[in-house]
C-alpha atoms as a PDB file:
ATOM      1  CA  MET A   1     -28.428 -40.986  16.594  1.00  0.00           C
ATOM      2  CA  ALA A   2     -25.891 -40.910  13.766  1.00  0.00           C
ATOM      3  CA  VAL A   3     -23.083 -43.470  13.831  1.00  0.00           C
ATOM      4  CA  ILE A   4     -19.602 -43.398  12.275  1.00  0.00           C
ATOM      5  CA  THR A   5     -19.379 -46.476  10.057  1.00  0.00           C
ATOM      6  CA  ARG A   6     -15.978 -45.962   8.433  1.00  0.00           C
ATOM      7  CA  ILE A   7     -12.883 -43.727   8.608  1.00  0.00           C
ATOM      8  CA  ARG A   8     -10.282 -43.668   5.849  1.00  0.00           C
ATOM      9  CA  THR A   9      -7.463 -41.429   4.655  1.00  0.00           C
ATOM     10  CA  ASN A  10      -8.334 -38.843   2.053  1.00  0.00           C
ATOM     11  CA  GLU A  11      -5.704 -39.537  -0.597  1.00  0.00           C
ATOM     12  CA  LYS A  12      -6.356 -36.284  -2.446  1.00  0.00           C
ATOM     13  CA  GLU A  13      -5.870 -33.960   0.508  1.00  0.00           C
ATOM     14  CA  GLN A  14      -3.051 -34.469   2.953  1.00  0.00           C
ATOM     15  CA  GLY A  15      -4.094 -34.273   6.596  1.00  0.00           C
ATOM     16  CA  PHE A  16      -7.758 -35.036   5.863  1.00  0.00           C
ATOM     17  CA  PHE A  17      -9.859 -38.128   6.559  1.00  0.00           C
ATOM     18  CA  GLU A  18     -13.123 -39.215   4.993  1.00  0.00           C
ATOM     19  CA  ILE A  19     -15.724 -40.236   7.543  1.00  0.00           C
ATOM     20  CA  ASP A  20     -18.868 -42.145   6.601  1.00  0.00           C
ATOM     21  CA  ILE A  21     -21.820 -41.414   8.866  1.00  0.00           C
ATOM     22  CA  SER A  22     -25.027 -43.426   8.952  1.00  0.00           C
ATOM     23  CA  GLU A  23     -27.859 -41.016   9.716  1.00  0.00           C
ATOM     24  CA  GLU A  24     -31.009 -41.737  11.692  1.00  0.00           C
ATOM     25  CA  ASN A  25     -33.001 -41.885   8.456  1.00  0.00           C
ATOM     26  CA  GLU A  26     -30.621 -44.645   7.293  1.00  0.00           C
ATOM     27  CA  GLN A  27     -29.012 -42.367   4.727  1.00  0.00           C
ATOM     28  CA  THR A  28     -25.206 -42.222   4.573  1.00  0.00           C
ATOM     29  CA  ALA A  29     -23.148 -39.020   4.474  1.00  0.00           C
ATOM     30  CA  THR A  30     -19.426 -38.676   3.893  1.00  0.00           C
ATOM     31  CA  LEU A  31     -17.533 -35.809   5.518  1.00  0.00           C
ATOM     32  CA  SER A  32     -13.945 -34.773   4.863  1.00  0.00           C
ATOM     33  CA  VAL A  33     -12.483 -33.962   8.274  1.00  0.00           C
ATOM     34  CA  HIS A  34      -9.059 -32.636   9.166  1.00  0.00           C
ATOM     35  CA  GLU A  35      -6.872 -34.746  11.444  1.00  0.00           C
ATOM     36  CA  ASP A  36      -7.012 -31.997  14.092  1.00  0.00           C
ATOM     37  CA  ILE A  37     -10.759 -32.524  14.452  1.00  0.00           C
ATOM     38  CA  LEU A  38     -10.368 -36.299  14.306  1.00  0.00           C
ATOM     39  CA  VAL A  39      -8.011 -36.228  17.312  1.00  0.00           C
ATOM     40  CA  ARG A  40      -9.824 -33.484  19.216  1.00  0.00           C
ATOM     41  CA  GLU A  41     -13.222 -35.154  19.019  1.00  0.00           C
ATOM     42  CA  GLY A  42     -11.847 -38.674  19.464  1.00  0.00           C
ATOM     43  CA  LEU A  43     -13.634 -39.875  16.346  1.00  0.00           C
ATOM     44  CA  HIS A  44     -13.591 -43.619  15.653  1.00  0.00           C
ATOM     45  CA  LYS A  45     -15.647 -46.274  13.940  1.00  0.00           C
ATOM     46  CA  GLY A  46     -18.818 -47.066  15.849  1.00  0.00           C
ATOM     47  CA  LEU A  47     -18.946 -43.734  17.689  1.00  0.00           C
ATOM     48  CA  GLU A  48     -22.484 -42.451  18.134  1.00  0.00           C
ATOM     49  CA  LEU A  49     -22.978 -38.764  17.365  1.00  0.00           C
ATOM     50  CA  SER A  50     -25.678 -36.479  18.699  1.00  0.00           C
ATOM     51  CA  ARG A  51     -27.404 -34.088  16.317  1.00  0.00           C
ATOM     52  CA  GLU A  52     -25.282 -31.236  17.706  1.00  0.00           C
ATOM     53  CA  GLN A  53     -22.040 -33.201  17.224  1.00  0.00           C
ATOM     54  CA  SER A  54     -23.022 -34.121  13.690  1.00  0.00           C
ATOM     55  CA  GLU A  55     -23.810 -30.512  12.766  1.00  0.00           C
ATOM     56  CA  LEU A  56     -20.563 -29.353  14.352  1.00  0.00           C
ATOM     57  CA  LEU A  57     -18.579 -31.827  12.276  1.00  0.00           C
ATOM     58  CA  ARG A  58     -20.315 -30.667   9.126  1.00  0.00           C
ATOM     59  CA  SER A  59     -19.590 -27.039   9.907  1.00  0.00           C
ATOM     60  CA  GLU A  60     -15.943 -27.596  10.759  1.00  0.00           C
ATOM     61  CA  ALA A  61     -15.435 -29.976   7.847  1.00  0.00           C
ATOM     62  CA  SER A  62     -16.349 -27.194   5.438  1.00  0.00           C
ATOM     63  CA  GLY A  63     -14.635 -24.411   7.391  1.00  0.00           C
ATOM     64  CA  ILE A  64     -11.315 -26.201   7.790  1.00  0.00           C
ATOM     65  CA  ARG A  65     -10.586 -25.901   4.083  1.00  0.00           C
ATOM     66  CA  ALA A  66     -11.038 -22.146   4.232  1.00  0.00           C
ATOM     67  CA  TYR A  67      -8.860 -22.110   7.348  1.00  0.00           C
ATOM     68  CA  ASN A  68      -6.065 -24.006   5.586  1.00  0.00           C
ATOM     69  CA  ALA A  69      -6.323 -21.695   2.590  1.00  0.00           C
ATOM     70  CA  GLY A  70      -5.955 -18.800   5.016  1.00  0.00           C
ATOM     71  CA  LEU A  71      -2.851 -20.396   6.522  1.00  0.00           C
ATOM     72  CA  ARG A  72      -1.269 -20.682   3.091  1.00  0.00           C
ATOM     73  CA  TYR A  73      -2.126 -17.052   2.369  1.00  0.00           C
ATOM     74  CA  LEU A  74      -0.453 -15.983   5.611  1.00  0.00           C
ATOM     75  CA  SER A  75       2.675 -17.977   4.807  1.00  0.00           C
ATOM     76  CA  TYR A  76       3.753 -15.256   2.368  1.00  0.00           C
ATOM     77  CA  ARG A  77       3.223 -12.287   4.699  1.00  0.00           C
ATOM     78  CA  MET A  78       0.843 -10.932   7.331  1.00  0.00           C
ATOM     79  CA  HIS A  79      -2.574  -9.768   6.163  1.00  0.00           C
ATOM     80  CA  SER A  80      -5.428  -7.729   7.549  1.00  0.00           C
ATOM     81  CA  ILE A  81      -8.776  -9.305   8.361  1.00  0.00           C
ATOM     82  CA  HIS A  82     -10.276  -7.450   5.396  1.00  0.00           C
ATOM     83  CA  GLU A  83      -7.627  -8.804   3.016  1.00  0.00           C
ATOM     84  CA  MET A  84      -8.173 -12.330   4.345  1.00  0.00           C
ATOM     85  CA  ARG A  85     -11.923 -12.083   3.872  1.00  0.00           C
ATOM     86  CA  GLU A  86     -11.514 -10.832   0.296  1.00  0.00           C
ATOM     87  CA  TYR A  87      -9.014 -13.585  -0.489  1.00  0.00           C
ATOM     88  CA  LEU A  88     -11.212 -16.391   0.832  1.00  0.00           C
ATOM     89  CA  GLU A  89     -14.285 -15.018  -0.923  1.00  0.00           C
ATOM     90  CA  LYS A  90     -12.340 -14.945  -4.203  1.00  0.00           C
ATOM     91  CA  LYS A  91     -11.526 -18.592  -3.539  1.00  0.00           C
ATOM     92  CA  GLN A  92     -15.321 -19.066  -3.528  1.00  0.00           C
ATOM     93  CA  PHE A  93     -15.673 -20.135   0.077  1.00  0.00           C
ATOM     94  CA  GLY A  94     -19.112 -19.493   1.575  1.00  0.00           C
ATOM     95  CA  ASN A  95     -19.906 -17.037   4.364  1.00  0.00           C
ATOM     96  CA  GLN A  96     -19.898 -19.695   7.070  1.00  0.00           C
ATOM     97  CA  GLN A  97     -16.603 -21.138   5.877  1.00  0.00           C
ATOM     98  CA  VAL A  98     -14.997 -17.704   5.757  1.00  0.00           C
ATOM     99  CA  SER A  99     -16.300 -16.765   9.201  1.00  0.00           C
ATOM    100  CA  TYR A 100     -15.058 -20.039  10.672  1.00  0.00           C
ATOM    101  CA  ALA A 101     -11.588 -19.558   9.146  1.00  0.00           C
ATOM    102  CA  ILE A 102     -11.247 -15.939  10.272  1.00  0.00           C
ATOM    103  CA  GLN A 103     -12.459 -16.639  13.799  1.00  0.00           C
ATOM    104  CA  ARG A 104     -10.069 -19.551  14.188  1.00  0.00           C
ATOM    105  CA  LEU A 105      -7.131 -17.589  12.776  1.00  0.00           C
ATOM    106  CA  GLN A 106      -7.914 -14.733  15.161  1.00  0.00           C
ATOM    107  CA  LYS A 107      -8.237 -17.125  18.106  1.00  0.00           C
ATOM    108  CA  GLU A 108      -4.836 -18.591  17.267  1.00  0.00           C
ATOM    109  CA  LYS A 109      -3.425 -15.033  17.040  1.00  0.00           C
ATOM    110  CA  LEU A 110      -2.456 -15.511  13.419  1.00  0.00           C
ATOM    111  CA  LEU A 111      -4.785 -12.760  12.232  1.00  0.00           C
ATOM    112  CA  ASN A 112      -4.640  -9.474  14.116  1.00  0.00           C
ATOM    113  CA  ASP A 113      -5.090  -6.031  12.566  1.00  0.00           C
ATOM    114  CA  HIS A 114      -3.058  -4.299  15.269  1.00  0.00           C
ATOM    115  CA  GLU A 115      -0.039  -6.566  14.728  1.00  0.00           C
ATOM    116  CA  PHE A 116      -0.532  -6.399  10.967  1.00  0.00           C
ATOM    117  CA  ALA A 117      -0.437  -2.584  11.053  1.00  0.00           C
ATOM    118  CA  ILE A 118       2.793  -2.545  13.069  1.00  0.00           C
ATOM    119  CA  SER A 119       4.442  -5.008  10.704  1.00  0.00           C
ATOM    120  CA  PHE A 120       3.131  -3.139   7.649  1.00  0.00           C
ATOM    121  CA  VAL A 121       4.489   0.222   8.839  1.00  0.00           C
ATOM    122  CA  ARG A 122       7.899  -1.183   9.751  1.00  0.00           C
ATOM    123  CA  THR A 123       8.176  -2.939   6.405  1.00  0.00           C
ATOM    124  CA  ARG A 124       7.315   0.261   4.544  1.00  0.00           C
ATOM    125  CA  ILE A 125       9.908   2.204   6.555  1.00  0.00           C
ATOM    126  CA  ARG A 126      12.543  -0.414   5.817  1.00  0.00           C
ATOM    127  CA  THR A 127      11.822  -0.938   2.121  1.00  0.00           C
ATOM    128  CA  SER A 128      10.428   2.329   0.740  1.00  0.00           C
ATOM    129  CA  THR A 129      10.583   6.124   0.906  1.00  0.00           C
ATOM    130  CA  LYS A 130       6.865   6.491   1.622  1.00  0.00           C
ATOM    131  CA  GLY A 131       5.820   8.997   4.275  1.00  0.00           C
ATOM    132  CA  PRO A 132       3.489   8.254   7.206  1.00  0.00           C
ATOM    133  CA  GLN A 133       0.395   9.784   5.620  1.00  0.00           C
ATOM    134  CA  LEU A 134       0.707   7.587   2.524  1.00  0.00           C
ATOM    135  CA  ILE A 135       1.312   4.531   4.708  1.00  0.00           C
ATOM    136  CA  TYR A 136      -1.807   5.476   6.696  1.00  0.00           C
ATOM    137  CA  ARG A 137      -3.853   5.597   3.476  1.00  0.00           C
ATOM    138  CA  GLU A 138      -2.519   2.187   2.448  1.00  0.00           C
ATOM    139  CA  LEU A 139      -3.561   0.722   5.800  1.00  0.00           C
ATOM    140  CA  ILE A 140      -7.064   2.145   5.359  1.00  0.00           C
ATOM    141  CA  GLN A 141      -7.203   0.579   1.884  1.00  0.00           C
ATOM    142  CA  ALA A 142      -6.224  -2.736   3.478  1.00  0.00           C
ATOM    143  CA  GLY A 143      -9.345  -2.450   5.635  1.00  0.00           C
ATOM    144  CA  VAL A 144      -7.625  -1.512   8.897  1.00  0.00           C
ATOM    145  CA  ALA A 145      -9.653   0.687  11.260  1.00  0.00           C
ATOM    146  CA  GLN A 146      -8.671   4.372  11.443  1.00  0.00           C
ATOM    147  CA  GLU A 147      -7.689   4.229  15.104  1.00  0.00           C
ATOM    148  CA  ILE A 148      -5.233   1.415  14.321  1.00  0.00           C
ATOM    149  CA  ALA A 149      -3.950   2.931  11.066  1.00  0.00           C
ATOM    150  CA  SER A 150      -3.245   6.231  12.832  1.00  0.00           C
ATOM    151  CA  GLN A 151      -0.308   4.636  14.644  1.00  0.00           C
ATOM    152  CA  ALA A 152       1.692   4.863  11.392  1.00  0.00           C
ATOM    153  CA  ASP A 153       2.883   8.335  12.335  1.00  0.00           C
ATOM    154  CA  ALA A 154       3.842   7.302  15.877  1.00  0.00           C
ATOM    155  CA  LEU A 155       5.952   4.416  14.554  1.00  0.00           C
ATOM    156  CA  PHE A 156       7.821   6.714  12.154  1.00  0.00           C
ATOM    157  CA  PRO A 157      10.163   9.081  14.073  1.00  0.00           C
ATOM    158  CA  ASP A 158      10.703  12.551  12.600  1.00  0.00           C
ATOM    159  CA  ASP A 159      14.424  12.010  12.026  1.00  0.00           C
ATOM    160  CA  GLU A 160      13.685   8.903   9.943  1.00  0.00           C
ATOM    161  CA  GLN A 161      10.979  10.771   8.048  1.00  0.00           C
ATOM    162  CA  VAL A 162      13.490  13.484   7.164  1.00  0.00           C
ATOM    163  CA  GLU A 163      16.013  10.890   6.021  1.00  0.00           C
ATOM    164  CA  HIS A 164      13.474   9.116   3.821  1.00  0.00           C
ATOM    165  CA  ALA A 165      12.074  12.379   2.441  1.00  0.00           C
ATOM    166  CA  ARG A 166      15.623  13.475   1.623  1.00  0.00           C
ATOM    167  CA  LYS A 167      16.260  10.273  -0.351  1.00  0.00           C
ATOM    168  CA  TYR A 168      12.998  10.650  -2.230  1.00  0.00           C
ATOM    169  CA  LEU A 169      13.707  14.305  -3.006  1.00  0.00           C
ATOM    170  CA  THR A 170      17.127  13.433  -4.428  1.00  0.00           C
ATOM    171  CA  LYS A 171      15.501  11.061  -6.910  1.00  0.00           C
ATOM    172  CA  GLN A 172      12.792  13.561  -7.872  1.00  0.00           C
ATOM    173  CA  ALA A 173      15.122  16.532  -8.375  1.00  0.00           C
ATOM    174  CA  SER A 174      15.749  15.431 -11.964  1.00  0.00           C
ATOM    175  CA  SER A 175      12.109  16.209 -12.798  1.00  0.00           C
ATOM    176  CA  VAL A 176      12.792  19.952 -12.409  1.00  0.00           C
ATOM    177  CA  LYS A 177      16.478  20.101 -13.313  1.00  0.00           C
ATOM    178  CA  ASN A 178      17.164  22.936 -15.761  1.00  0.00           C
ATOM    179  CA  LYS A 179      13.423  23.230 -16.434  1.00  0.00           C
ATOM    180  CA  LYS A 180      11.783  25.166 -13.613  1.00  0.00           C
ATOM    181  CA  SER A 181      12.183  28.475 -11.840  1.00  0.00           C
ATOM    182  CA  ARG A 182      13.074  28.305  -8.166  1.00  0.00           C
ATOM    183  CA  ALA A 183       9.487  29.007  -7.113  1.00  0.00           C
ATOM    184  CA  GLU A 184       7.934  26.526  -9.524  1.00  0.00           C
ATOM    185  CA  ALA A 185      10.540  23.851  -8.795  1.00  0.00           C
ATOM    186  CA  ARG A 186       9.919  24.169  -5.075  1.00  0.00           C
ATOM    187  CA  LEU A 187       6.169  23.973  -5.664  1.00  0.00           C
ATOM    188  CA  VAL A 188       6.501  20.836  -7.810  1.00  0.00           C
ATOM    189  CA  LEU A 189       8.801  19.101  -5.335  1.00  0.00           C
ATOM    190  CA  ALA A 190       6.607  20.089  -2.376  1.00  0.00           C
ATOM    191  CA  ARG A 191       3.589  18.565  -4.136  1.00  0.00           C
ATOM    192  CA  LEU A 192       5.507  15.343  -4.800  1.00  0.00           C
ATOM    193  CA  LEU A 193       6.530  15.131  -1.148  1.00  0.00           C
ATOM    194  CA  MET A 194       2.939  15.661  -0.053  1.00  0.00           C
ATOM    195  CA  GLN A 195       1.725  12.938  -2.436  1.00  0.00           C
ATOM    196  CA  ARG A 196       4.424  10.694  -1.003  1.00  0.00           C
ATOM    197  CA  GLY A 197       2.887  11.132   2.440  1.00  0.00           C
ATOM    198  CA  TYR A 198       5.047  13.766   4.140  1.00  0.00           C
ATOM    199  CA  SER A 199       3.780  16.655   6.235  1.00  0.00           C
ATOM    200  CA  ARG A 200       4.307  20.327   5.407  1.00  0.00           C
ATOM    201  CA  ASP A 201       6.922  20.641   8.170  1.00  0.00           C
ATOM    202  CA  ILE A 202       8.994  17.711   6.915  1.00  0.00           C
ATOM    203  CA  SER A 203       8.698  18.912   3.315  1.00  0.00           C
ATOM    204  CA  ASP A 204       9.804  22.450   4.194  1.00  0.00           C
ATOM    205  CA  GLN A 205      12.773  21.122   6.144  1.00  0.00           C
ATOM    206  CA  VAL A 206      14.186  19.026   3.302  1.00  0.00           C
ATOM    207  CA  LEU A 207      13.381  21.637   0.660  1.00  0.00           C
ATOM    208  CA  ASN A 208      15.280  24.248   2.660  1.00  0.00           C
ATOM    209  CA  GLU A 209      18.297  21.957   2.493  1.00  0.00           C
ATOM    210  CA  ILE A 210      18.490  22.224  -1.313  1.00  0.00           C
ATOM    211  CA  THR A 211      18.321  26.025  -1.585  1.00  0.00           C
ATOM    212  CA  ASP A 212      21.678  26.183  -3.403  1.00  0.00           C
ATOM    213  CA  PHE A 213      20.501  23.596  -5.936  1.00  0.00           C
ATOM    214  CA  LEU A 214      17.268  25.502  -6.561  1.00  0.00           C
ATOM    215  CA  GLU A 215      19.120  28.782  -7.097  1.00  0.00           C
ATOM    216  CA  GLU A 216      21.640  27.287  -9.522  1.00  0.00           C
ATOM    217  CA  ASN A 217      18.911  25.323 -11.243  1.00  0.00           C
ATOM    218  CA  GLU A 218      16.915  28.525 -11.766  1.00  0.00           C
ATOM    219  CA  LYS A 219      19.803  30.148 -13.629  1.00  0.00           C
ATOM    220  CA  ASN A 220      20.096  27.198 -16.010  1.00  0.00           C
ATOM    221  CA  ALA A 221      16.336  26.897 -16.365  1.00  0.00           C
ATOM    222  CA  LEU A 222      16.008  30.583 -17.230  1.00  0.00           C
ATOM    223  CA  VAL A 223      18.373  30.145 -20.150  1.00  0.00           C
ATOM    224  CA  HIS A 224      16.552  27.007 -21.279  1.00  0.00           C
ATOM    225  CA  GLN A 225      13.082  28.538 -21.044  1.00  0.00           C
ATOM    226  CA  ALA A 226      14.209  31.825 -22.585  1.00  0.00           C
ATOM    227  CA  GLU A 227      15.540  29.974 -25.623  1.00  0.00           C
ATOM    228  CA  LYS A 228      12.155  28.295 -25.990  1.00  0.00           C
ATOM    229  CA  ALA A 229      10.336  31.618 -25.628  1.00  0.00           C
ATOM    230  CA  MET A 230      12.530  33.375 -28.186  1.00  0.00           C
ATOM    231  CA  GLN A 231      11.985  30.568 -30.646  1.00  0.00           C
ATOM    232  CA  LYS A 232       8.232  30.676 -29.999  1.00  0.00           C
ATOM    233  CA  TYR A 233       7.980  34.446 -30.577  1.00  0.00           C
ATOM    234  CA  LYS A 234      10.660  34.824 -33.246  1.00  0.00           C
ATOM    235  CA  LYS A 235       8.147  36.303 -35.688  1.00  0.00           C
ATOM    236  CA  PHE A 236       7.894  39.355 -33.412  1.00  0.00           C
ATOM    237  CA  SER A 237      10.524  42.047 -33.104  1.00  0.00           C
ATOM    238  CA  GLY A 238      11.526  44.989 -30.978  1.00  0.00           C
ATOM    239  CA  ARG A 239       9.447  45.837 -27.939  1.00  0.00           C
ATOM    240  CA  ASP A 240       6.717  43.276 -28.786  1.00  0.00           C
ATOM    241  CA  PHE A 241       9.266  40.477 -28.916  1.00  0.00           C
ATOM    242  CA  THR A 242      10.869  41.514 -25.621  1.00  0.00           C
ATOM    243  CA  GLN A 243       7.527  41.890 -23.839  1.00  0.00           C
ATOM    244  CA  LYS A 244       6.235  38.514 -24.972  1.00  0.00           C
ATOM    245  CA  VAL A 245       9.425  36.734 -23.900  1.00  0.00           C
ATOM    246  CA  LYS A 246       9.341  38.559 -20.575  1.00  0.00           C
ATOM    247  CA  ASN A 247       5.687  37.641 -19.956  1.00  0.00           C
ATOM    248  CA  TYR A 248       6.366  34.021 -20.856  1.00  0.00           C
ATOM    249  CA  LEU A 249       9.237  33.785 -18.384  1.00  0.00           C
ATOM    250  CA  TYR A 250       7.364  35.638 -15.656  1.00  0.00           C
ATOM    251  CA  GLN A 251       4.455  33.204 -15.943  1.00  0.00           C
ATOM    252  CA  LYS A 252       6.962  30.409 -15.461  1.00  0.00           C
ATOM    253  CA  GLY A 253       7.820  31.859 -12.067  1.00  0.00           C
ATOM    254  CA  PHE A 254      11.145  33.536 -12.852  1.00  0.00           C
ATOM    255  CA  PRO A 255      11.920  36.776 -10.941  1.00  0.00           C
ATOM    256  CA  LEU A 256      11.577  39.981 -12.970  1.00  0.00           C
ATOM    257  CA  ASP A 257      15.077  41.193 -12.098  1.00  0.00           C
ATOM    258  CA  ALA A 258      16.580  37.905 -13.361  1.00  0.00           C
ATOM    259  CA  ILE A 259      14.519  38.114 -16.546  1.00  0.00           C
ATOM    260  CA  ASP A 260      15.526  41.732 -17.199  1.00  0.00           C
ATOM    261  CA  SER A 261      19.170  40.937 -16.510  1.00  0.00           C
ATOM    262  CA  PHE A 262      19.132  38.020 -18.928  1.00  0.00           C
ATOM    263  CA  LEU A 263      17.395  40.041 -21.685  1.00  0.00           C
ATOM    264  CA  ARG A 264      19.827  42.938 -21.268  1.00  0.00           C
ATOM    265  CA  GLU A 265      22.772  40.592 -21.610  1.00  0.00           C
ATOM    266  CA  ARG A 266      21.239  38.874 -24.598  1.00  0.00           C
ATOM    267  CA  THR A 267      20.425  42.230 -26.272  1.00  0.00           C
ATOM    268  CA  SER A 268      23.883  43.679 -25.686  1.00  0.00           C
ATOM    269  CA  SER A 269      25.595  40.541 -26.986  1.00  0.00           C
ATOM    270  CA  ALA A 270      23.364  40.622 -30.089  1.00  0.00           C
ATOM    271  CA  GLU A 271      24.410  44.201 -30.764  1.00  0.00           C
END
């Protein structure tokens, strides 16, 4: 049997002890063991170790470093099992070390994808304007199973979704201000809301709230776009000029009656 011949403090790593073990073949091995294992196993000088005990110490001695690295990683925020595995692998821990660390962290309820997902969703709701579908995609990217990630929508009440979508829409309105027709502006903003993770129903609700803005914006945008069109086709005259400007504005989504009204006013003022 193997025998512990010496135990001393590891001065380079706090909480670790170096244990010298004399093997049956008279060779000596030194293991770095965490104090938790030292106390749990009752390790002391002169203790005889079976082959199983010796192998267990070797396994835990290597895994405990990965475990402690995992603890430090979790000290910043919660992480998914997938994120933890990627982190430990980047730290160049081996498969056995990583498995040991993850299993122990799970056993101690420090690593749990269900709890991580809940925390992740609530943090996103509190700190961002992201919709539930985008949060769901982020959870999937973090390696969370679909059935767990799907709770993002359930944790995000409709009234809060509307409030967040409204805030996001207010910030994005400048991207269409005085540039887009009502139809095109609504289409652009609806696409942004969808990319932000909001459903069609939520998007329609908040877009319907800014109808007055879209109508007024269209009037200003028509003038802006018409000026661009007239400059673009200034080498034309008469009916050709009018038709090209009209086609340009129509392709931009402006209503024909608004285009005709604008051109009539511009023509009469020019005369």
